[in-house]
N, C-alpha and C. Protein backbone atom coordinates (compact mmCIF):
# COMPACT_ATOMS: atom_id res chain seq x y z
N MET A 1 164.67 105.75 109.71
CA MET A 1 164.67 104.29 109.74
C MET A 1 163.37 103.79 110.34
N THR A 2 163.04 102.57 110.01
CA THR A 2 161.83 101.97 110.54
C THR A 2 162.11 100.54 110.94
N ALA A 3 161.43 100.09 111.98
CA ALA A 3 161.64 98.71 112.43
C ALA A 3 160.39 97.88 112.24
N ASP A 4 159.39 98.42 111.54
CA ASP A 4 158.14 97.67 111.39
C ASP A 4 158.07 96.93 110.06
N LEU A 5 159.23 96.57 109.53
CA LEU A 5 159.31 95.77 108.32
C LEU A 5 159.79 94.37 108.68
N VAL A 6 159.11 93.37 108.18
CA VAL A 6 159.47 91.98 108.42
C VAL A 6 159.65 91.30 107.06
N LEU A 7 160.82 90.72 106.86
CA LEU A 7 161.13 90.05 105.59
C LEU A 7 161.23 88.56 105.80
N TYR A 8 160.37 87.82 105.13
CA TYR A 8 160.46 86.37 105.09
C TYR A 8 161.32 86.00 103.88
N GLY A 9 162.38 85.24 104.12
CA GLY A 9 163.27 84.89 103.03
C GLY A 9 164.09 83.65 103.35
N TYR A 10 165.04 83.38 102.51
CA TYR A 10 165.95 82.24 102.66
C TYR A 10 167.33 82.73 102.26
N TRP A 11 168.34 82.29 102.97
CA TRP A 11 169.67 82.86 102.82
C TRP A 11 170.16 82.84 101.37
N ARG A 12 169.82 81.79 100.61
CA ARG A 12 170.35 81.66 99.25
C ARG A 12 169.31 81.97 98.17
N SER A 13 168.18 82.47 98.56
CA SER A 13 167.17 82.87 97.57
C SER A 13 167.61 84.15 96.86
N SER A 14 167.68 84.10 95.54
CA SER A 14 168.07 85.29 94.78
C SER A 14 167.06 86.42 94.95
N ALA A 15 165.78 86.06 94.95
CA ALA A 15 164.74 87.08 95.04
C ALA A 15 164.77 87.76 96.41
N ALA A 16 164.97 86.99 97.47
CA ALA A 16 165.09 87.58 98.81
C ALA A 16 166.36 88.41 98.92
N TYR A 17 167.43 87.95 98.30
CA TYR A 17 168.72 88.67 98.27
C TYR A 17 168.52 90.06 97.67
N ARG A 18 167.75 90.14 96.57
CA ARG A 18 167.47 91.44 95.94
C ARG A 18 166.82 92.40 96.93
N VAL A 19 165.83 91.89 97.64
CA VAL A 19 165.09 92.76 98.56
C VAL A 19 165.97 93.18 99.72
N ARG A 20 166.82 92.28 100.22
CA ARG A 20 167.76 92.67 101.28
C ARG A 20 168.66 93.81 100.82
N ILE A 21 169.15 93.71 99.57
CA ILE A 21 169.98 94.79 99.03
C ILE A 21 169.19 96.09 99.00
N ALA A 22 167.97 96.04 98.50
CA ALA A 22 167.15 97.25 98.40
C ALA A 22 166.90 97.87 99.77
N LEU A 23 166.57 97.05 100.75
CA LEU A 23 166.35 97.55 102.10
C LEU A 23 167.61 98.22 102.64
N ASN A 24 168.75 97.60 102.41
CA ASN A 24 170.02 98.16 102.90
C ASN A 24 170.38 99.46 102.18
N LEU A 25 170.17 99.49 100.87
CA LEU A 25 170.48 100.71 100.12
C LEU A 25 169.64 101.88 100.61
N LYS A 26 168.43 101.59 101.05
CA LYS A 26 167.54 102.64 101.53
C LYS A 26 167.69 102.89 103.03
N GLY A 27 168.58 102.15 103.68
CA GLY A 27 168.83 102.36 105.09
C GLY A 27 167.66 101.98 105.98
N LEU A 28 166.91 100.95 105.59
CA LEU A 28 165.72 100.55 106.33
C LEU A 28 166.02 99.34 107.22
N ALA A 29 165.71 99.47 108.49
CA ALA A 29 165.86 98.34 109.41
C ALA A 29 164.69 97.38 109.20
N TYR A 30 164.97 96.09 109.36
CA TYR A 30 163.91 95.10 109.19
C TYR A 30 164.22 93.87 110.02
N GLU A 31 163.17 93.14 110.32
CA GLU A 31 163.32 91.85 111.00
C GLU A 31 163.36 90.76 109.95
N SER A 32 164.33 89.86 110.07
CA SER A 32 164.47 88.76 109.11
C SER A 32 163.88 87.48 109.70
N ARG A 33 163.00 86.83 108.95
CA ARG A 33 162.42 85.55 109.35
C ARG A 33 162.71 84.53 108.26
N ALA A 34 163.37 83.46 108.66
CA ALA A 34 163.83 82.47 107.70
C ALA A 34 162.71 81.49 107.32
N VAL A 35 162.65 81.19 106.04
CA VAL A 35 161.77 80.15 105.50
C VAL A 35 162.69 79.18 104.77
N HIS A 36 162.93 78.02 105.36
CA HIS A 36 163.87 77.07 104.78
C HIS A 36 163.22 76.40 103.57
N LEU A 37 163.82 76.57 102.41
CA LEU A 37 163.21 76.10 101.17
C LEU A 37 163.42 74.62 100.88
N VAL A 38 164.24 73.96 101.70
CA VAL A 38 164.56 72.55 101.43
C VAL A 38 164.16 71.64 102.59
N LYS A 39 164.39 72.09 103.82
CA LYS A 39 164.15 71.24 104.99
C LYS A 39 162.70 70.78 105.06
N ASP A 40 162.50 69.51 105.36
CA ASP A 40 161.17 68.92 105.53
C ASP A 40 160.27 69.18 104.31
N GLY A 41 160.88 69.12 103.15
CA GLY A 41 160.11 69.33 101.93
C GLY A 41 159.89 70.78 101.56
N GLY A 42 160.39 71.70 102.40
CA GLY A 42 160.25 73.12 102.11
C GLY A 42 159.22 73.79 102.99
N GLU A 43 159.70 74.66 103.88
CA GLU A 43 158.78 75.35 104.79
C GLU A 43 157.85 76.32 104.06
N GLN A 44 158.19 76.67 102.83
CA GLN A 44 157.33 77.56 102.06
C GLN A 44 156.00 76.91 101.70
N HIS A 45 155.93 75.59 101.84
CA HIS A 45 154.70 74.86 101.52
C HIS A 45 153.80 74.67 102.74
N SER A 46 154.22 75.16 103.89
CA SER A 46 153.42 74.99 105.10
C SER A 46 152.14 75.83 105.02
N ASP A 47 151.12 75.39 105.75
CA ASP A 47 149.86 76.13 105.77
C ASP A 47 150.08 77.55 106.29
N ARG A 48 150.95 77.66 107.29
CA ARG A 48 151.19 78.98 107.90
C ARG A 48 151.78 79.95 106.90
N TYR A 49 152.77 79.50 106.13
CA TYR A 49 153.38 80.42 105.17
C TYR A 49 152.48 80.63 103.97
N ARG A 50 151.78 79.59 103.55
CA ARG A 50 150.87 79.73 102.40
C ARG A 50 149.81 80.77 102.65
N ALA A 51 149.44 80.95 103.91
CA ALA A 51 148.45 81.98 104.25
C ALA A 51 148.99 83.37 103.96
N LEU A 52 150.31 83.54 104.05
CA LEU A 52 150.94 84.82 103.71
C LEU A 52 151.14 84.96 102.21
N ASN A 53 151.65 83.91 101.59
CA ASN A 53 151.96 83.95 100.17
C ASN A 53 151.44 82.69 99.49
N PRO A 54 150.28 82.75 98.84
CA PRO A 54 149.70 81.57 98.19
C PRO A 54 150.59 80.97 97.11
N GLN A 55 151.57 81.73 96.60
CA GLN A 55 152.50 81.17 95.62
C GLN A 55 153.52 80.24 96.24
N GLU A 56 153.65 80.30 97.58
CA GLU A 56 154.61 79.45 98.30
C GLU A 56 156.04 79.74 97.83
N LEU A 57 156.33 81.02 97.71
CA LEU A 57 157.65 81.48 97.31
C LEU A 57 158.13 82.54 98.29
N VAL A 58 159.45 82.75 98.33
CA VAL A 58 160.01 83.88 99.05
C VAL A 58 160.56 84.85 98.01
N PRO A 59 160.62 86.14 98.36
CA PRO A 59 160.36 86.73 99.67
C PRO A 59 158.90 87.12 99.86
N CYS A 60 158.61 87.48 101.11
CA CYS A 60 157.35 88.11 101.48
C CYS A 60 157.71 89.19 102.48
N LEU A 61 157.22 90.39 102.25
CA LEU A 61 157.53 91.52 103.13
C LEU A 61 156.26 91.98 103.81
N ILE A 62 156.32 92.11 105.12
CA ILE A 62 155.21 92.64 105.90
C ILE A 62 155.56 94.07 106.32
N HIS A 63 154.67 94.99 106.03
CA HIS A 63 154.83 96.38 106.46
C HIS A 63 153.50 96.84 107.02
N GLY A 64 153.41 96.87 108.35
CA GLY A 64 152.13 97.18 108.97
C GLY A 64 151.11 96.13 108.61
N ASP A 65 150.00 96.55 108.00
CA ASP A 65 148.99 95.58 107.58
C ASP A 65 149.14 95.19 106.11
N GLN A 66 150.22 95.63 105.49
CA GLN A 66 150.48 95.27 104.09
C GLN A 66 151.26 93.96 104.04
N VAL A 67 150.81 93.03 103.20
CA VAL A 67 151.52 91.79 102.93
C VAL A 67 151.92 91.84 101.47
N LEU A 68 153.23 91.92 101.23
CA LEU A 68 153.74 92.16 99.88
C LEU A 68 154.52 90.96 99.38
N THR A 69 154.28 90.58 98.14
CA THR A 69 155.00 89.47 97.52
C THR A 69 155.59 89.95 96.19
N GLN A 70 156.43 89.10 95.60
CA GLN A 70 157.14 89.39 94.35
C GLN A 70 158.21 90.45 94.58
N SER A 71 159.46 90.04 94.42
CA SER A 71 160.58 90.92 94.76
C SER A 71 160.56 92.24 94.01
N MET A 72 160.22 92.22 92.73
CA MET A 72 160.22 93.47 91.97
C MET A 72 159.16 94.43 92.50
N ALA A 73 157.98 93.91 92.79
CA ALA A 73 156.92 94.74 93.34
C ALA A 73 157.30 95.26 94.72
N ILE A 74 157.95 94.41 95.52
CA ILE A 74 158.38 94.83 96.86
C ILE A 74 159.38 95.98 96.77
N MET A 75 160.35 95.87 95.87
CA MET A 75 161.36 96.92 95.77
C MET A 75 160.76 98.24 95.29
N GLU A 76 159.84 98.17 94.35
CA GLU A 76 159.20 99.41 93.91
C GLU A 76 158.29 99.97 95.00
N TYR A 77 157.67 99.10 95.78
CA TYR A 77 156.88 99.56 96.92
C TYR A 77 157.77 100.32 97.91
N LEU A 78 158.94 99.78 98.18
CA LEU A 78 159.86 100.45 99.10
C LEU A 78 160.22 101.84 98.58
N ASP A 79 160.40 101.95 97.26
CA ASP A 79 160.71 103.25 96.69
C ASP A 79 159.55 104.23 96.85
N ASP A 80 158.33 103.71 96.72
CA ASP A 80 157.15 104.57 96.88
C ASP A 80 156.92 104.95 98.35
N ALA A 81 157.08 103.98 99.23
CA ALA A 81 156.78 104.20 100.65
C ALA A 81 157.90 104.96 101.36
N PHE A 82 159.13 104.79 100.90
CA PHE A 82 160.30 105.41 101.52
C PHE A 82 161.14 106.07 100.42
N PRO A 83 160.78 107.28 100.00
CA PRO A 83 161.39 107.88 98.81
C PRO A 83 162.89 108.19 98.92
N ALA A 84 163.42 108.30 100.13
CA ALA A 84 164.85 108.62 100.27
C ALA A 84 165.70 107.51 99.66
N SER A 85 166.85 107.88 99.11
CA SER A 85 167.76 106.94 98.45
C SER A 85 167.03 106.11 97.41
N PRO A 86 166.49 106.76 96.37
CA PRO A 86 165.67 106.05 95.38
C PRO A 86 166.44 104.98 94.62
N LEU A 87 165.71 103.95 94.25
CA LEU A 87 166.28 102.84 93.50
C LEU A 87 166.09 103.01 91.99
N LEU A 88 165.33 104.04 91.60
CA LEU A 88 165.08 104.33 90.19
C LEU A 88 165.46 105.78 89.91
N PRO A 89 165.98 106.07 88.71
CA PRO A 89 166.32 107.45 88.36
C PRO A 89 165.07 108.34 88.30
N ASN A 90 165.29 109.63 88.23
CA ASN A 90 164.17 110.58 88.17
C ASN A 90 163.55 110.68 86.79
N ASP A 91 164.34 110.50 85.73
CA ASP A 91 163.84 110.69 84.37
C ASP A 91 163.18 109.42 83.84
N ALA A 92 162.20 109.62 82.97
CA ALA A 92 161.42 108.50 82.45
C ALA A 92 162.29 107.51 81.67
N GLY A 93 163.21 108.04 80.86
CA GLY A 93 164.08 107.16 80.09
C GLY A 93 164.99 106.32 80.98
N GLY A 94 165.55 106.96 82.00
CA GLY A 94 166.41 106.24 82.92
C GLY A 94 165.65 105.18 83.69
N ARG A 95 164.44 105.51 84.11
CA ARG A 95 163.62 104.54 84.84
C ARG A 95 163.31 103.33 83.97
N ALA A 96 163.00 103.60 82.70
CA ALA A 96 162.70 102.49 81.79
C ALA A 96 163.94 101.62 81.57
N ARG A 97 165.11 102.25 81.43
CA ARG A 97 166.33 101.47 81.22
C ARG A 97 166.66 100.61 82.43
N VAL A 98 166.57 101.18 83.63
CA VAL A 98 166.86 100.41 84.84
C VAL A 98 165.87 99.26 84.99
N ARG A 99 164.61 99.52 84.72
CA ARG A 99 163.62 98.43 84.81
C ARG A 99 163.91 97.34 83.78
N ALA A 100 164.32 97.73 82.57
CA ALA A 100 164.64 96.73 81.55
C ALA A 100 165.81 95.85 81.97
N LEU A 101 166.86 96.47 82.51
CA LEU A 101 168.02 95.70 82.97
C LEU A 101 167.62 94.77 84.12
N ALA A 102 166.83 95.29 85.05
CA ALA A 102 166.40 94.48 86.19
C ALA A 102 165.52 93.33 85.74
N GLN A 103 164.60 93.60 84.81
CA GLN A 103 163.68 92.56 84.37
C GLN A 103 164.36 91.52 83.50
N LEU A 104 165.41 91.91 82.80
CA LEU A 104 166.19 90.92 82.05
C LEU A 104 166.65 89.81 82.99
N VAL A 105 167.09 90.20 84.17
CA VAL A 105 167.53 89.23 85.17
C VAL A 105 166.33 88.55 85.84
N ALA A 106 165.43 89.37 86.38
CA ALA A 106 164.37 88.84 87.24
C ALA A 106 163.29 88.09 86.49
N CYS A 107 163.05 88.46 85.23
CA CYS A 107 161.97 87.84 84.47
C CYS A 107 162.44 86.82 83.45
N ASP A 108 163.67 86.98 82.94
CA ASP A 108 164.13 86.11 81.87
C ASP A 108 165.18 85.08 82.30
N ILE A 109 166.11 85.48 83.16
CA ILE A 109 167.16 84.54 83.58
C ILE A 109 166.72 83.73 84.80
N HIS A 110 166.34 84.43 85.84
CA HIS A 110 166.12 83.78 87.13
C HIS A 110 165.01 82.72 87.15
N PRO A 111 163.83 82.97 86.56
CA PRO A 111 162.73 82.02 86.76
C PRO A 111 163.00 80.62 86.25
N ILE A 112 163.78 80.48 85.17
CA ILE A 112 163.98 79.13 84.62
C ILE A 112 165.14 78.40 85.30
N GLY A 113 165.73 79.03 86.31
CA GLY A 113 166.82 78.36 87.01
C GLY A 113 166.64 78.34 88.51
N ASN A 114 165.43 78.69 88.97
CA ASN A 114 165.25 78.72 90.43
C ASN A 114 165.00 77.32 90.98
N LEU A 115 164.88 77.23 92.28
CA LEU A 115 164.87 75.93 92.96
C LEU A 115 163.76 75.02 92.47
N ARG A 116 162.54 75.53 92.34
CA ARG A 116 161.44 74.63 91.98
C ARG A 116 161.57 74.11 90.56
N VAL A 117 162.17 74.89 89.65
CA VAL A 117 162.41 74.41 88.29
C VAL A 117 163.46 73.31 88.30
N LEU A 118 164.54 73.52 89.03
CA LEU A 118 165.59 72.50 89.09
C LEU A 118 165.09 71.23 89.77
N GLN A 119 164.26 71.39 90.80
CA GLN A 119 163.67 70.22 91.45
C GLN A 119 162.78 69.45 90.48
N TYR A 120 162.03 70.16 89.66
CA TYR A 120 161.15 69.50 88.68
C TYR A 120 161.96 68.78 87.61
N LEU A 121 163.05 69.40 87.18
CA LEU A 121 163.93 68.73 86.21
C LEU A 121 164.45 67.41 86.77
N GLY A 122 164.76 67.42 88.07
CA GLY A 122 165.26 66.19 88.69
C GLY A 122 164.18 65.15 88.87
N SER A 123 163.01 65.56 89.37
CA SER A 123 161.97 64.58 89.71
C SER A 123 161.22 64.05 88.49
N HIS A 124 161.11 64.84 87.42
CA HIS A 124 160.32 64.43 86.26
C HIS A 124 161.15 64.07 85.04
N PHE A 125 162.40 64.52 84.99
CA PHE A 125 163.24 64.25 83.82
C PHE A 125 164.57 63.61 84.20
N ASN A 126 164.67 63.19 85.47
CA ASN A 126 165.85 62.47 85.95
C ASN A 126 167.14 63.26 85.75
N ALA A 127 167.05 64.55 85.80
CA ALA A 127 168.25 65.38 85.65
C ALA A 127 169.09 65.30 86.92
N ASP A 128 170.37 64.94 86.77
CA ASP A 128 171.26 64.91 87.92
C ASP A 128 171.92 66.29 88.09
N ASP A 129 172.81 66.39 89.05
CA ASP A 129 173.43 67.68 89.33
C ASP A 129 174.23 68.20 88.14
N ALA A 130 174.85 67.28 87.39
CA ALA A 130 175.63 67.72 86.22
C ALA A 130 174.72 68.34 85.17
N VAL A 131 173.57 67.74 84.94
CA VAL A 131 172.62 68.27 83.96
C VAL A 131 172.04 69.60 84.44
N LYS A 132 171.73 69.66 85.72
CA LYS A 132 171.20 70.92 86.27
C LYS A 132 172.24 72.03 86.15
N GLY A 133 173.49 71.68 86.34
CA GLY A 133 174.55 72.67 86.19
C GLY A 133 174.67 73.15 84.76
N GLU A 134 174.59 72.23 83.81
CA GLU A 134 174.66 72.61 82.40
C GLU A 134 173.47 73.49 82.02
N TRP A 135 172.30 73.13 82.49
CA TRP A 135 171.09 73.92 82.26
C TRP A 135 171.27 75.35 82.80
N SER A 136 171.73 75.44 84.03
CA SER A 136 171.87 76.74 84.67
C SER A 136 172.91 77.60 83.97
N ARG A 137 174.05 77.02 83.65
CA ARG A 137 175.11 77.78 82.96
C ARG A 137 174.62 78.28 81.60
N HIS A 138 173.87 77.44 80.89
CA HIS A 138 173.39 77.85 79.57
C HIS A 138 172.49 79.06 79.66
N TRP A 139 171.48 79.00 80.53
CA TRP A 139 170.49 80.07 80.56
C TRP A 139 171.02 81.35 81.21
N ILE A 140 171.85 81.20 82.23
CA ILE A 140 172.48 82.41 82.78
C ILE A 140 173.41 83.03 81.75
N GLY A 141 174.17 82.18 81.06
CA GLY A 141 175.08 82.67 80.04
C GLY A 141 174.37 83.39 78.91
N GLU A 142 173.25 82.85 78.45
CA GLU A 142 172.49 83.51 77.40
C GLU A 142 172.02 84.90 77.85
N GLY A 143 171.51 84.97 79.07
CA GLY A 143 171.06 86.26 79.58
C GLY A 143 172.19 87.23 79.78
N PHE A 144 173.31 86.74 80.29
CA PHE A 144 174.46 87.61 80.54
C PHE A 144 175.07 88.14 79.24
N LYS A 145 174.99 87.37 78.15
CA LYS A 145 175.48 87.87 76.87
C LYS A 145 174.74 89.15 76.48
N ALA A 146 173.43 89.11 76.60
CA ALA A 146 172.63 90.29 76.26
C ALA A 146 172.89 91.43 77.24
N LEU A 147 172.95 91.09 78.52
CA LEU A 147 173.16 92.12 79.53
C LEU A 147 174.52 92.78 79.38
N GLU A 148 175.54 92.01 79.10
CA GLU A 148 176.88 92.56 78.89
C GLU A 148 176.87 93.57 77.74
N THR A 149 176.20 93.20 76.66
CA THR A 149 176.12 94.10 75.51
C THR A 149 175.39 95.38 75.86
N MET A 150 174.28 95.25 76.57
CA MET A 150 173.49 96.42 76.94
C MET A 150 174.28 97.36 77.86
N LEU A 151 175.05 96.80 78.76
CA LEU A 151 175.84 97.62 79.67
C LEU A 151 177.05 98.22 78.97
N ALA A 152 177.78 97.40 78.23
CA ALA A 152 179.04 97.85 77.62
C ALA A 152 178.81 98.87 76.51
N SER A 153 177.66 98.81 75.86
CA SER A 153 177.43 99.67 74.70
C SER A 153 176.73 100.98 75.04
N SER A 154 176.39 101.20 76.30
CA SER A 154 175.62 102.39 76.67
C SER A 154 176.46 103.38 77.46
N ALA A 155 176.38 104.64 77.06
CA ALA A 155 177.05 105.71 77.80
C ALA A 155 176.39 105.95 79.15
N GLN A 156 175.19 105.39 79.35
CA GLN A 156 174.49 105.57 80.62
C GLN A 156 175.02 104.65 81.71
N THR A 157 175.77 103.64 81.30
CA THR A 157 176.40 102.77 82.28
C THR A 157 177.56 103.53 82.92
N GLY A 158 177.60 103.53 84.24
CA GLY A 158 178.68 104.21 84.95
C GLY A 158 179.41 103.23 85.83
N ARG A 159 179.65 103.64 87.03
CA ARG A 159 180.26 102.73 88.00
C ARG A 159 179.33 101.55 88.25
N PHE A 160 178.03 101.83 88.17
CA PHE A 160 177.01 100.80 88.36
C PHE A 160 176.22 100.61 87.06
N CYS A 161 175.16 99.85 87.11
CA CYS A 161 174.41 99.55 85.89
C CYS A 161 173.89 100.80 85.20
N HIS A 162 173.52 101.79 86.01
CA HIS A 162 173.02 103.05 85.45
C HIS A 162 173.63 104.19 86.25
N GLY A 163 174.61 104.83 85.66
CA GLY A 163 175.26 105.93 86.35
C GLY A 163 176.13 105.48 87.51
N ASP A 164 176.30 106.37 88.47
CA ASP A 164 177.21 106.12 89.58
C ASP A 164 176.50 105.92 90.90
N THR A 165 175.22 105.58 90.83
CA THR A 165 174.43 105.27 92.03
C THR A 165 173.79 103.91 91.85
N PRO A 166 173.91 103.01 92.81
CA PRO A 166 173.30 101.69 92.65
C PRO A 166 171.78 101.80 92.57
N SER A 167 171.20 100.94 91.76
CA SER A 167 169.77 101.01 91.46
C SER A 167 169.13 99.63 91.56
N LEU A 168 167.87 99.61 91.17
CA LEU A 168 167.12 98.36 91.09
C LEU A 168 167.85 97.33 90.24
N ALA A 169 168.49 97.79 89.17
CA ALA A 169 169.19 96.88 88.27
C ALA A 169 170.35 96.19 88.98
N ASP A 170 171.10 96.92 89.78
CA ASP A 170 172.22 96.34 90.51
C ASP A 170 171.73 95.36 91.58
N ALA A 171 170.60 95.70 92.19
CA ALA A 171 170.03 94.80 93.21
C ALA A 171 169.63 93.46 92.60
N CYS A 172 169.29 93.46 91.31
CA CYS A 172 168.96 92.20 90.63
C CYS A 172 170.20 91.50 90.10
N LEU A 173 171.15 92.27 89.61
CA LEU A 173 172.34 91.68 88.99
C LEU A 173 173.19 90.91 89.98
N VAL A 174 173.46 91.48 91.14
CA VAL A 174 174.42 90.86 92.07
C VAL A 174 173.97 89.46 92.51
N PRO A 175 172.70 89.25 92.89
CA PRO A 175 172.30 87.88 93.23
C PRO A 175 172.41 86.91 92.06
N GLN A 176 172.14 87.39 90.84
CA GLN A 176 172.26 86.50 89.69
C GLN A 176 173.72 86.16 89.42
N TYR A 177 174.61 87.11 89.63
CA TYR A 177 176.04 86.84 89.53
C TYR A 177 176.45 85.78 90.56
N TYR A 178 175.92 85.89 91.76
CA TYR A 178 176.19 84.90 92.80
C TYR A 178 175.80 83.51 92.31
N ASN A 179 174.63 83.41 91.67
CA ASN A 179 174.21 82.12 91.12
C ASN A 179 175.13 81.66 90.00
N ALA A 180 175.56 82.60 89.17
CA ALA A 180 176.45 82.25 88.07
C ALA A 180 177.74 81.63 88.58
N THR A 181 178.31 82.23 89.62
CA THR A 181 179.56 81.69 90.17
C THR A 181 179.30 80.37 90.90
N ARG A 182 178.15 80.27 91.53
CA ARG A 182 177.79 79.01 92.19
C ARG A 182 177.73 77.85 91.18
N TRP A 183 177.22 78.14 89.99
CA TRP A 183 177.12 77.12 88.95
C TRP A 183 178.35 77.09 88.05
N LYS A 184 179.38 77.85 88.45
CA LYS A 184 180.68 77.82 87.76
C LYS A 184 180.59 78.27 86.30
N LEU A 185 179.83 79.33 86.07
CA LEU A 185 179.80 79.94 84.74
C LEU A 185 181.05 80.78 84.56
N PRO A 186 181.89 80.53 83.54
CA PRO A 186 183.07 81.38 83.30
C PRO A 186 182.63 82.82 83.02
N MET A 187 183.31 83.77 83.64
CA MET A 187 182.90 85.16 83.53
C MET A 187 183.80 85.98 82.60
N ASP A 188 184.74 85.32 81.91
CA ASP A 188 185.69 86.05 81.07
C ASP A 188 185.00 86.88 79.99
N ALA A 189 183.86 86.42 79.52
CA ALA A 189 183.17 87.11 78.42
C ALA A 189 182.32 88.28 78.91
N PHE A 190 182.30 88.51 80.23
CA PHE A 190 181.41 89.52 80.78
C PHE A 190 182.16 90.52 81.66
N PRO A 191 183.13 91.22 81.10
CA PRO A 191 183.96 92.12 81.92
C PRO A 191 183.18 93.30 82.51
N THR A 192 182.20 93.81 81.82
CA THR A 192 181.43 94.93 82.36
C THR A 192 180.58 94.48 83.53
N ILE A 193 179.95 93.34 83.38
CA ILE A 193 179.18 92.77 84.49
C ILE A 193 180.09 92.57 85.69
N GLN A 194 181.27 92.00 85.47
CA GLN A 194 182.20 91.75 86.56
C GLN A 194 182.59 93.06 87.24
N ARG A 195 182.85 94.08 86.46
CA ARG A 195 183.26 95.37 87.02
C ARG A 195 182.16 95.98 87.88
N VAL A 196 180.94 95.94 87.38
CA VAL A 196 179.80 96.49 88.12
C VAL A 196 179.57 95.71 89.41
N VAL A 197 179.62 94.39 89.33
CA VAL A 197 179.41 93.57 90.52
C VAL A 197 180.49 93.84 91.56
N ASP A 198 181.72 93.99 91.12
CA ASP A 198 182.81 94.29 92.06
C ASP A 198 182.55 95.63 92.77
N ALA A 199 182.07 96.62 92.02
CA ALA A 199 181.77 97.92 92.62
C ALA A 199 180.64 97.81 93.63
N CYS A 200 179.64 97.00 93.30
CA CYS A 200 178.52 96.79 94.22
C CYS A 200 178.98 96.10 95.50
N ASN A 201 179.71 95.03 95.34
CA ASN A 201 180.09 94.22 96.50
C ASN A 201 181.08 94.93 97.42
N ALA A 202 181.65 96.03 96.95
CA ALA A 202 182.51 96.84 97.81
C ALA A 202 181.70 97.70 98.79
N LEU A 203 180.38 97.78 98.59
CA LEU A 203 179.52 98.58 99.45
C LEU A 203 178.92 97.72 100.56
N ASP A 204 178.80 98.30 101.74
CA ASP A 204 178.24 97.56 102.88
C ASP A 204 176.82 97.07 102.60
N ALA A 205 176.04 97.85 101.87
CA ALA A 205 174.65 97.47 101.60
C ALA A 205 174.56 96.13 100.89
N PHE A 206 175.51 95.87 100.01
CA PHE A 206 175.53 94.60 99.29
C PHE A 206 176.18 93.51 100.13
N ALA A 207 177.29 93.84 100.78
CA ALA A 207 178.00 92.84 101.58
C ALA A 207 177.11 92.30 102.71
N GLN A 208 176.36 93.19 103.36
CA GLN A 208 175.51 92.77 104.46
C GLN A 208 174.29 91.97 104.00
N ALA A 209 173.97 92.09 102.70
CA ALA A 209 172.84 91.34 102.15
C ALA A 209 173.26 89.99 101.60
N SER A 210 174.55 89.71 101.54
CA SER A 210 175.04 88.49 100.90
C SER A 210 174.51 87.25 101.61
N PRO A 211 174.36 86.16 100.90
CA PRO A 211 173.83 84.93 101.51
C PRO A 211 174.61 84.50 102.76
N GLU A 212 175.94 84.56 102.69
CA GLU A 212 176.75 84.08 103.80
C GLU A 212 176.59 84.93 105.05
N ALA A 213 176.14 86.15 104.91
CA ALA A 213 175.97 87.06 106.05
C ALA A 213 174.62 86.90 106.74
N GLN A 214 173.77 86.01 106.25
CA GLN A 214 172.42 85.89 106.81
C GLN A 214 172.41 84.94 108.02
N PRO A 215 171.55 85.23 108.98
CA PRO A 215 171.51 84.40 110.20
C PRO A 215 171.10 82.95 109.96
N ASP A 216 170.39 82.67 108.85
CA ASP A 216 169.98 81.30 108.58
C ASP A 216 170.96 80.56 107.65
N ALA A 217 172.08 81.21 107.29
CA ALA A 217 173.08 80.52 106.49
C ALA A 217 173.70 79.40 107.29
N PRO A 218 173.87 78.23 106.70
CA PRO A 218 174.48 77.12 107.44
C PRO A 218 175.95 77.42 107.75
N PRO A 219 176.50 76.81 108.79
CA PRO A 219 177.89 77.06 109.16
C PRO A 219 178.86 76.76 108.04
N SER A 220 178.55 75.74 107.25
CA SER A 220 179.43 75.37 106.14
C SER A 220 178.59 75.29 104.87
N HIS A 221 179.00 76.02 103.83
CA HIS A 221 178.27 76.01 102.57
C HIS A 221 179.27 76.17 101.44
């Protein structure tokens, strides 16, 4: 274990949630530092945080003199720096499949429904909460249709997205499922996704990474 890891994140950030899962799966201790994405216009826009991450996004991981951004890059860095409990399979085909499943979530579903996109829809297109909800359900649903098919049709899917060991793909799926339920997307059409998420959330690594378990989570949410 190591204690020289510092994670800047926000309790309900999907990208920070992924990294928390990865850190927990690898048994790595870390210091959590909250960056409130809404209060006072968003602490991610402060000069102090911008100096760490010019994109003004979370998460940001500090490891010694390394300043790491982008959740996918951070998780692969953790696999390289701390090889125990790998997040990717050993074989090239398996690694490609896990990356594809993870990127379906992280690159195709998540970016068009994150906070800054929804804020822009509201400020520039007068989208209210009902419209934002419809937008979010549509795009998560479209992505989940493809993901459900990919998982249900593959013999490589096991208890988790790939086999019987949680991977990078599961670390991406669970936070997106959290968003789906938050936006009240019906999950009846996605039984394989539901099964995998249930298996993940039964593990301490996922439960301890959940938004409600974070020190910066509000008392009532």
